[in-house]
């Protein structure tokens, strides 16, 4: 199984993920020794990050590196928060389907856009 279901499929909440689902996704990647896990976990916060959003006030959010989420999982709040997995290409891409293929595709697009931008400098 490489797809983790989001808690909601409504358009309004499509980018918000429960903590347990995000953790299951990273756990699958790690168990498979998938290179995407290493890449995301080692990414600087300006390339890939997790946003923690307060359920009661959606404008209240905090950005953390993926390594902090993985390393401090037990300390991360769950009942009052939503999570977003984000990757920066030319724009911020919110991962709304936690599947390995989807994340691979987004990372590949980000790398292609980055390399294209660098070749024009």
N, C-alpha and C. Protein backbone atom coordinates (compact mmCIF):
# COMPACT_ATOMS: atom_id res chain seq x y z
N UNK A 1 0.85 -1.18 0.00
CA UNK A 1 0.00 0.00 0.00
C UNK A 1 0.89 1.23 0.00
N UNK A 2 0.77 2.05 -1.03
CA UNK A 2 1.57 3.26 -1.04
C UNK A 2 0.73 4.52 -1.10
N UNK A 3 -0.58 4.39 -0.90
CA UNK A 3 -1.44 5.57 -0.86
C UNK A 3 -2.04 5.67 0.53
N UNK A 4 -1.93 6.82 1.11
CA UNK A 4 -2.53 7.08 2.42
C UNK A 4 -3.70 8.02 2.18
N UNK A 5 -4.84 7.66 2.69
CA UNK A 5 -6.03 8.47 2.46
C UNK A 5 -6.02 9.69 3.37
N UNK A 6 -6.37 10.83 2.82
CA UNK A 6 -6.57 12.03 3.64
C UNK A 6 -7.86 11.85 4.42
N UNK A 7 -8.03 12.61 5.48
CA UNK A 7 -9.22 12.46 6.31
C UNK A 7 -10.45 12.99 5.61
N UNK A 8 -10.29 13.81 4.60
CA UNK A 8 -11.41 14.46 3.94
C UNK A 8 -11.11 14.61 2.47
N UNK A 9 -12.13 14.49 1.68
CA UNK A 9 -11.96 14.69 0.24
C UNK A 9 -12.66 15.95 -0.25
N UNK A 10 -13.15 16.76 0.69
CA UNK A 10 -13.80 17.99 0.26
C UNK A 10 -12.77 18.95 -0.29
N UNK A 11 -13.14 19.76 -1.25
CA UNK A 11 -12.23 20.72 -1.87
C UNK A 11 -11.61 21.66 -0.85
N UNK A 12 -12.42 22.12 0.09
CA UNK A 12 -11.95 23.10 1.07
C UNK A 12 -10.81 22.55 1.92
N UNK A 13 -10.85 21.27 2.25
CA UNK A 13 -9.86 20.68 3.15
C UNK A 13 -8.89 19.76 2.44
N UNK A 14 -8.82 19.82 1.12
CA UNK A 14 -8.04 18.83 0.38
C UNK A 14 -6.55 18.89 0.67
N UNK A 15 -6.02 20.00 1.14
CA UNK A 15 -4.59 20.10 1.43
C UNK A 15 -4.26 19.79 2.88
N UNK A 16 -5.26 19.54 3.69
CA UNK A 16 -5.03 19.32 5.11
C UNK A 16 -5.04 17.83 5.41
N UNK A 17 -4.06 17.43 6.21
CA UNK A 17 -3.84 16.01 6.47
C UNK A 17 -3.78 15.80 7.97
N UNK A 18 -4.27 14.68 8.42
CA UNK A 18 -4.12 14.33 9.83
C UNK A 18 -2.70 13.87 10.10
N UNK A 19 -2.24 14.11 11.30
CA UNK A 19 -0.88 13.75 11.70
C UNK A 19 -0.61 12.26 11.45
N UNK A 20 -1.53 11.40 11.84
CA UNK A 20 -1.31 9.96 11.70
C UNK A 20 -1.15 9.55 10.24
N UNK A 21 -1.88 10.21 9.33
CA UNK A 21 -1.77 9.88 7.91
C UNK A 21 -0.44 10.34 7.33
N UNK A 22 0.01 11.50 7.75
CA UNK A 22 1.31 11.99 7.29
C UNK A 22 2.42 11.08 7.83
N UNK A 23 2.30 10.68 9.09
CA UNK A 23 3.30 9.79 9.66
C UNK A 23 3.29 8.44 8.94
N UNK A 24 2.12 7.88 8.62
CA UNK A 24 2.04 6.61 7.89
C UNK A 24 2.75 6.71 6.54
N UNK A 25 2.57 7.84 5.89
CA UNK A 25 3.21 8.06 4.60
C UNK A 25 4.74 8.01 4.73
N UNK A 26 5.27 8.75 5.70
CA UNK A 26 6.73 8.75 5.91
C UNK A 26 7.22 7.36 6.36
N UNK A 27 6.42 6.68 7.14
CA UNK A 27 6.79 5.34 7.62
C UNK A 27 6.89 4.36 6.44
N UNK A 28 5.96 4.44 5.50
CA UNK A 28 6.00 3.58 4.31
C UNK A 28 7.25 3.89 3.49
N UNK A 29 7.52 5.17 3.27
CA UNK A 29 8.71 5.56 2.51
C UNK A 29 9.98 5.03 3.18
N UNK A 30 10.06 5.19 4.49
CA UNK A 30 11.24 4.73 5.22
C UNK A 30 11.38 3.21 5.18
N UNK A 31 10.27 2.50 5.36
CA UNK A 31 10.30 1.03 5.34
C UNK A 31 10.74 0.49 3.98
N UNK A 32 10.38 1.20 2.92
CA UNK A 32 10.76 0.78 1.58
C UNK A 32 12.16 1.26 1.20
N UNK A 33 12.81 1.97 2.11
CA UNK A 33 14.12 2.58 1.83
C UNK A 33 14.03 3.41 0.55
N UNK A 34 12.91 4.09 0.40
CA UNK A 34 12.67 4.91 -0.77
C UNK A 34 13.54 6.16 -0.71
N UNK A 35 14.27 6.47 -1.78
CA UNK A 35 15.14 7.65 -1.76
C UNK A 35 14.37 8.96 -1.52
N UNK A 36 13.09 8.97 -1.81
CA UNK A 36 12.29 10.18 -1.56
C UNK A 36 12.27 10.49 -0.07
N UNK A 37 12.23 9.46 0.76
CA UNK A 37 12.24 9.70 2.21
C UNK A 37 13.49 10.46 2.61
N UNK A 38 14.64 9.97 2.18
CA UNK A 38 15.89 10.63 2.52
C UNK A 38 15.96 12.04 1.99
N UNK A 39 15.46 12.23 0.78
CA UNK A 39 15.48 13.56 0.17
C UNK A 39 14.60 14.53 0.94
N UNK A 40 13.38 14.11 1.27
CA UNK A 40 12.46 14.99 1.99
C UNK A 40 12.96 15.25 3.40
N UNK A 41 13.42 14.21 4.07
CA UNK A 41 13.86 14.34 5.46
C UNK A 41 15.09 15.24 5.57
N UNK A 42 15.92 15.24 4.54
CA UNK A 42 17.14 16.06 4.56
C UNK A 42 16.95 17.44 3.92
N UNK A 43 15.79 17.68 3.35
CA UNK A 43 15.56 18.95 2.65
C UNK A 43 15.56 20.14 3.60
N UNK A 44 16.15 21.24 3.16
CA UNK A 44 16.06 22.47 3.96
C UNK A 44 14.61 22.98 3.93
N UNK A 45 14.27 23.73 4.93
CA UNK A 45 12.89 24.22 5.09
C UNK A 45 12.45 25.10 3.92
N UNK A 46 13.39 25.64 3.16
CA UNK A 46 12.98 26.48 2.03
C UNK A 46 12.71 25.66 0.76
N UNK A 47 12.88 24.33 0.80
CA UNK A 47 12.51 23.47 -0.33
C UNK A 47 11.31 22.60 -0.01
N UNK A 48 11.32 21.94 1.13
CA UNK A 48 10.21 21.06 1.53
C UNK A 48 9.97 21.24 3.02
N UNK A 49 8.72 21.34 3.41
CA UNK A 49 8.39 21.57 4.81
C UNK A 49 6.99 21.10 5.10
N UNK A 50 6.68 21.08 6.38
CA UNK A 50 5.34 20.75 6.85
C UNK A 50 4.78 21.99 7.52
N UNK A 51 3.54 22.29 7.21
CA UNK A 51 2.84 23.38 7.86
C UNK A 51 1.85 22.77 8.84
N UNK A 52 1.90 23.24 10.08
CA UNK A 52 0.95 22.80 11.11
C UNK A 52 -0.10 23.90 11.23
N UNK A 53 -1.35 23.54 11.06
CA UNK A 53 -2.45 24.52 11.04
C UNK A 53 -3.40 24.25 12.20
N UNK A 54 -3.75 25.29 12.90
CA UNK A 54 -4.69 25.19 14.02
C UNK A 54 -6.10 24.97 13.47
N UNK A 55 -6.77 23.90 13.91
CA UNK A 55 -8.12 23.60 13.43
C UNK A 55 -9.13 24.69 13.77
N UNK A 56 -8.96 25.33 14.91
CA UNK A 56 -9.93 26.35 15.34
C UNK A 56 -9.66 27.71 14.72
N UNK A 57 -8.46 27.94 14.22
CA UNK A 57 -8.13 29.22 13.58
C UNK A 57 -7.19 28.91 12.41
N UNK A 58 -7.76 28.72 11.23
CA UNK A 58 -6.99 28.26 10.07
C UNK A 58 -5.91 29.25 9.62
N UNK A 59 -5.97 30.48 10.11
CA UNK A 59 -4.93 31.45 9.76
C UNK A 59 -3.71 31.32 10.67
N UNK A 60 -3.86 30.56 11.75
CA UNK A 60 -2.76 30.33 12.68
C UNK A 60 -2.00 29.07 12.25
N UNK A 61 -0.79 29.27 11.74
CA UNK A 61 -0.02 28.12 11.26
C UNK A 61 1.46 28.29 11.60
N UNK A 62 2.17 27.18 11.51
CA UNK A 62 3.60 27.16 11.82
C UNK A 62 4.28 26.25 10.81
N UNK A 63 5.41 26.71 10.27
CA UNK A 63 6.20 25.94 9.31
C UNK A 63 7.34 25.25 10.03
N UNK A 64 7.51 23.94 9.75
CA UNK A 64 8.63 23.21 10.36
C UNK A 64 9.31 22.35 9.29
N UNK A 65 10.60 22.07 9.48
CA UNK A 65 11.27 21.16 8.55
C UNK A 65 10.71 19.74 8.71
N UNK A 66 10.76 18.98 7.66
CA UNK A 66 10.27 17.60 7.70
C UNK A 66 11.06 16.80 8.73
N UNK A 67 12.35 17.06 8.84
CA UNK A 67 13.17 16.33 9.81
C UNK A 67 12.66 16.55 11.24
N UNK A 68 12.17 17.73 11.53
CA UNK A 68 11.63 18.00 12.88
C UNK A 68 10.35 17.21 13.11
N UNK A 69 9.48 17.13 12.10
CA UNK A 69 8.26 16.35 12.22
C UNK A 69 8.60 14.88 12.50
N UNK A 70 9.50 14.33 11.70
CA UNK A 70 9.89 12.93 11.83
C UNK A 70 10.60 12.68 13.16
N UNK A 71 11.47 13.58 13.55
CA UNK A 71 12.25 13.40 14.77
C UNK A 71 11.50 13.68 16.05
N UNK A 72 10.43 14.45 15.98
CA UNK A 72 9.69 14.84 17.18
C UNK A 72 8.23 14.44 17.09
N UNK A 73 7.97 13.34 16.44
CA UNK A 73 6.59 12.93 16.18
C UNK A 73 5.72 12.92 17.43
N UNK A 74 6.22 12.35 18.50
CA UNK A 74 5.41 12.24 19.72
C UNK A 74 5.09 13.59 20.33
N UNK A 75 5.90 14.59 20.05
CA UNK A 75 5.66 15.93 20.58
C UNK A 75 4.73 16.76 19.70
N UNK A 76 4.50 16.30 18.47
CA UNK A 76 3.64 17.03 17.54
C UNK A 76 2.18 16.87 17.95
N UNK A 77 1.44 17.97 18.02
CA UNK A 77 0.02 17.87 18.39
C UNK A 77 -0.78 17.15 17.31
N UNK A 78 -1.86 16.51 17.73
CA UNK A 78 -2.66 15.80 16.72
C UNK A 78 -4.13 16.21 16.72
N UNK A 79 -4.75 16.28 17.87
CA UNK A 79 -6.20 16.49 17.89
C UNK A 79 -6.63 17.88 17.46
N UNK A 80 -5.83 18.87 17.68
CA UNK A 80 -6.26 20.24 17.36
C UNK A 80 -5.57 20.82 16.13
N UNK A 81 -4.85 19.98 15.39
CA UNK A 81 -4.06 20.49 14.27
C UNK A 81 -4.29 19.69 12.98
N UNK A 82 -4.10 20.37 11.87
CA UNK A 82 -4.01 19.76 10.55
C UNK A 82 -2.56 19.92 10.09
N UNK A 83 -2.18 19.14 9.12
CA UNK A 83 -0.83 19.21 8.58
C UNK A 83 -0.90 19.36 7.07
N UNK A 84 0.10 20.01 6.50
CA UNK A 84 0.26 20.10 5.05
C UNK A 84 1.70 19.75 4.72
N UNK A 85 1.88 18.98 3.66
CA UNK A 85 3.21 18.70 3.14
C UNK A 85 3.39 19.64 1.95
N UNK A 86 4.46 20.42 1.95
CA UNK A 86 4.68 21.43 0.93
C UNK A 86 6.04 21.26 0.28
N UNK A 87 6.08 21.51 -1.02
CA UNK A 87 7.33 21.49 -1.76
C UNK A 87 7.36 22.74 -2.61
N UNK A 88 8.52 23.39 -2.66
CA UNK A 88 8.65 24.62 -3.44
C UNK A 88 9.26 24.32 -4.80
N UNK A 89 8.54 24.66 -5.84
CA UNK A 89 9.10 24.64 -7.20
C UNK A 89 9.22 26.13 -7.55
N UNK A 90 8.60 26.59 -8.60
CA UNK A 90 8.53 28.04 -8.83
C UNK A 90 7.45 28.65 -7.96
N UNK A 91 6.60 27.79 -7.44
CA UNK A 91 5.53 28.19 -6.55
C UNK A 91 5.41 27.11 -5.48
N UNK A 92 4.69 27.39 -4.43
CA UNK A 92 4.50 26.39 -3.39
C UNK A 92 3.49 25.37 -3.89
N UNK A 93 3.85 24.11 -3.76
CA UNK A 93 2.96 23.02 -4.17
C UNK A 93 2.54 22.30 -2.89
N UNK A 94 1.23 22.28 -2.64
CA UNK A 94 0.70 21.57 -1.49
C UNK A 94 0.39 20.15 -1.94
N UNK A 95 0.91 19.20 -1.26
CA UNK A 95 0.68 17.81 -1.60
C UNK A 95 -0.68 17.42 -1.06
N UNK A 96 -1.63 17.15 -1.95
CA UNK A 96 -2.97 16.82 -1.47
C UNK A 96 -3.31 15.35 -1.66
N UNK A 97 -2.40 14.59 -2.22
CA UNK A 97 -2.58 13.14 -2.30
C UNK A 97 -1.28 12.50 -1.83
N UNK A 98 -1.34 11.86 -0.68
CA UNK A 98 -0.14 11.25 -0.13
C UNK A 98 0.10 9.90 -0.79
N UNK A 99 0.64 9.95 -1.99
CA UNK A 99 1.06 8.72 -2.64
C UNK A 99 2.50 8.91 -3.08
N UNK A 100 3.23 7.84 -3.12
CA UNK A 100 4.63 7.92 -3.50
C UNK A 100 4.76 8.47 -4.91
N UNK A 101 3.93 8.01 -5.83
CA UNK A 101 4.01 8.47 -7.21
C UNK A 101 3.72 9.97 -7.32
N UNK A 102 2.75 10.46 -6.58
CA UNK A 102 2.42 11.87 -6.62
C UNK A 102 3.58 12.72 -6.10
N UNK A 103 4.16 12.33 -4.97
CA UNK A 103 5.27 13.09 -4.40
C UNK A 103 6.49 13.03 -5.32
N UNK A 104 6.76 11.86 -5.91
CA UNK A 104 7.86 11.72 -6.88
C UNK A 104 7.68 12.70 -8.03
N UNK A 105 6.46 12.78 -8.53
CA UNK A 105 6.16 13.65 -9.65
C UNK A 105 6.38 15.12 -9.29
N UNK A 106 5.93 15.53 -8.11
CA UNK A 106 6.09 16.92 -7.67
C UNK A 106 7.58 17.24 -7.49
N UNK A 107 8.34 16.33 -6.89
CA UNK A 107 9.77 16.57 -6.69
C UNK A 107 10.48 16.65 -8.04
N UNK A 108 10.14 15.76 -8.96
CA UNK A 108 10.76 15.79 -10.30
C UNK A 108 10.46 17.12 -10.99
N UNK A 109 9.22 17.57 -10.91
CA UNK A 109 8.86 18.87 -11.50
C UNK A 109 9.64 20.01 -10.86
N UNK A 110 9.81 19.96 -9.54
CA UNK A 110 10.56 21.01 -8.84
C UNK A 110 12.01 21.02 -9.29
N UNK A 111 12.61 19.84 -9.45
CA UNK A 111 14.00 19.76 -9.89
C UNK A 111 14.15 20.27 -11.32
N UNK A 112 13.24 19.89 -12.20
CA UNK A 112 13.29 20.35 -13.59
C UNK A 112 13.16 21.87 -13.65
N UNK A 113 12.22 22.42 -12.89
CA UNK A 113 12.04 23.88 -12.88
C UNK A 113 13.27 24.57 -12.32
N UNK A 114 13.87 24.00 -11.28
CA UNK A 114 15.06 24.58 -10.69
C UNK A 114 16.22 24.55 -11.68
N UNK A 115 16.43 23.40 -12.33
CA UNK A 115 17.53 23.29 -13.29
C UNK A 115 17.33 24.22 -14.48
N UNK A 116 16.10 24.35 -14.93
CA UNK A 116 15.79 25.25 -16.03
C UNK A 116 16.10 26.70 -15.64
N UNK A 117 15.72 27.05 -14.43
CA UNK A 117 15.97 28.41 -13.92
C UNK A 117 17.48 28.67 -13.82
N UNK A 118 18.25 27.68 -13.34
CA UNK A 118 19.69 27.83 -13.19
C UNK A 118 20.40 27.96 -14.53
N UNK A 119 19.89 27.27 -15.55
CA UNK A 119 20.55 27.33 -16.87
C UNK A 119 20.33 28.69 -17.55
N UNK A 120 19.33 29.45 -17.10
CA UNK A 120 19.07 30.77 -17.67
C UNK A 120 19.83 31.88 -16.95
N UNK A 121 20.54 31.52 -15.89
CA UNK A 121 21.26 32.56 -15.13
C UNK A 121 22.57 32.93 -15.79
